[in-house]
Amino acid sequence: MSRMNVSEFCMDVAENNANLGREYRRNLNSLLEVSEKFHSDARIPYEKSKVRENTLVIESGHQPLFLPYPGIWKKAFLAEFFEKKLKSMGRDAIAFFGFLDYDTSSSKLLYQNRIPKMNKHGYLNIGLRRPESSEIWKRFNELDKPSEEKWEKAVNEILRNYIGNMDVEEIAEELWISYDLSDNFADLNAIAFARICKLMGVDVYFFRSSDVQKEKVFVNVWKKIVDDLDKFNLLQNSAAENLNFPDLQTDEKLAPFWYHCECGGKVSIERRDGKFVGDCRLCGYKVEIVDSLREFEKLSPRAIMRNVLFFEGMKTSVFITGSGGSLKYGLVSNIISKGFGFNVPKTVFWESVDVYLGKEHKAAMNAIVKEFGLSDNWEKHAILGKVESRRRLIAAKINGSSDRRIRKKYLSHYKRTSNIISAASSLFSLKPSIVDVAANVGIGKIIPAWESSISQDGRITKSEIGEFYRLDSEVFYDSPEVLKVYNVFKELEKENTKIDPLGILE
């Protein structure tokens, strides 16, 4: 595997000859019009870029989650960062971020997120409850936004956890503006994300995936795929098998796209007797399609087809992905793209930890200090030694007493020493909502910290499989010494139940 810094990676991208022909430029201009519609709806300033033959395209996107953790925001930031870097090298570039607003509504992260809290879990849920009915199987952009009463309760809950914090109050204001501007739940979260990006200083072209489909932006690429679905499914299964991703194997009859039922459901489609058919799980409607292009506005690509479709339709140069399951989809989709002779971008994912000591992090440290009589020495061995000494002392008191009440009392203390470590370790390992970072660091300091992280310490490693690149760099909002505390809690989590003189911890 080869390693390079961020500037070297951008130089490599800049050397690429984009060569955007007429069809690519038409697609990108259509996408800019789709983006203009979203920016207008979100009341975000919009200035249309000129698409040239040598324009390099950077793209990212995600589901419109509720105040997501920093990793999602970093995708939008990184798209703009590469755009600026390439322009500074004399290359024309343009950055897009798309919202997958037609995904089903089943994910809890669409409604709620977590902030650090020194309680038994190490976190507190913020936001709203996920619907418990069939509503979760509707497309997210078909789901009504919450009532004003429920939204007010959710926003006020956030404010109560950060009383008097000006940055959180700014975010709360954006949440209310987004509520007033939105018509459905997907738009509510998407508009809030985009407006808070603007507040942070991130400026890219946002768009809704549903609008892309409505405007038939990539219809020509869609036709090439659908005209040879046997090849598509064969390539997908071969790639999934070779990469050992059995969960990405597909039935040879399954179409790589969904049908959007009028009831709001997404219908899985199969090919039978020269037609595309399926049954809606929500209302029972029987779908029958002879020509997918005639029903184009009612269709949407599955995850793997989505990458193939967009990468070729936009001639994407750099795609910013997440470091989780989307990597698997990307590896498979790239192999399919190569099989069709389509464009394959350089795919980048950023693995990092946001290192800061917020109010609740300090509360967790204080709880550990108080429980185990620590000094300011946050060395792993010193703390583990204190934990062992404390538990042996309590164990001796339990074993040395025949009084049932005393034994019960100290047994409770013994278990508490484990519970406190467990809660504090969970808090330090949490990927928190961006609102906690903003509250404890300050909105204005977030982007400079990210820029500093990847400009000074960022190292990009090229994978042995495909055009995949991993960006490694931690984000320090304060002193890098804080990372020592994070690492100590990782070790505490590992060793917690191993230090067990009574043999009762699990």
Foldseek 3Di string as FASTA:
>chain_A
DDKDAPLVVLVVLLPDQLQQDPLLQQLVVVVLVQLVVLCVLLVHDDDDDHDDRREAEEEEEEALFALAFVQRLVQLVVQVVSQVSSVVVVGHYAYEYEHAQFQFQQDQRNFWFWAAALDLARIDIAGDGRDPDCSRQFRQQVAAADDPVRLVVRLVVLCVVQPPQPLSVVLSVLLVSLVVSDGTSRSSSVSSSVVLSVVLPRDHRYHYQLSCQQSCSLVVVVCLCVVPVLLLLVLLQVQCVVVVNVVRRDDSFWDQKWFQDPVRHTWTWGDDPQWIWTAGPPPGDIDTGNDCSVRRSRMDGHLLVVCLRCCQSNVHAEYEYEPPPSVVSLLSSQSSNVVSVGHRYQYEYEDAAAFDQFPNLVVLVVVLCVLQVDDPDLDQVVSVVSLLVSLVVLVCQLVVDPDPVSNVVSVVSNVVSLSSLNSSLSNLPDSGRVSRVCSGLNSNQPSVQVCCFSNPPWMWDADPRPSYIYIYTYGYSDDPVSVSNNVSSVVCNVCRLVSHPPNPRD
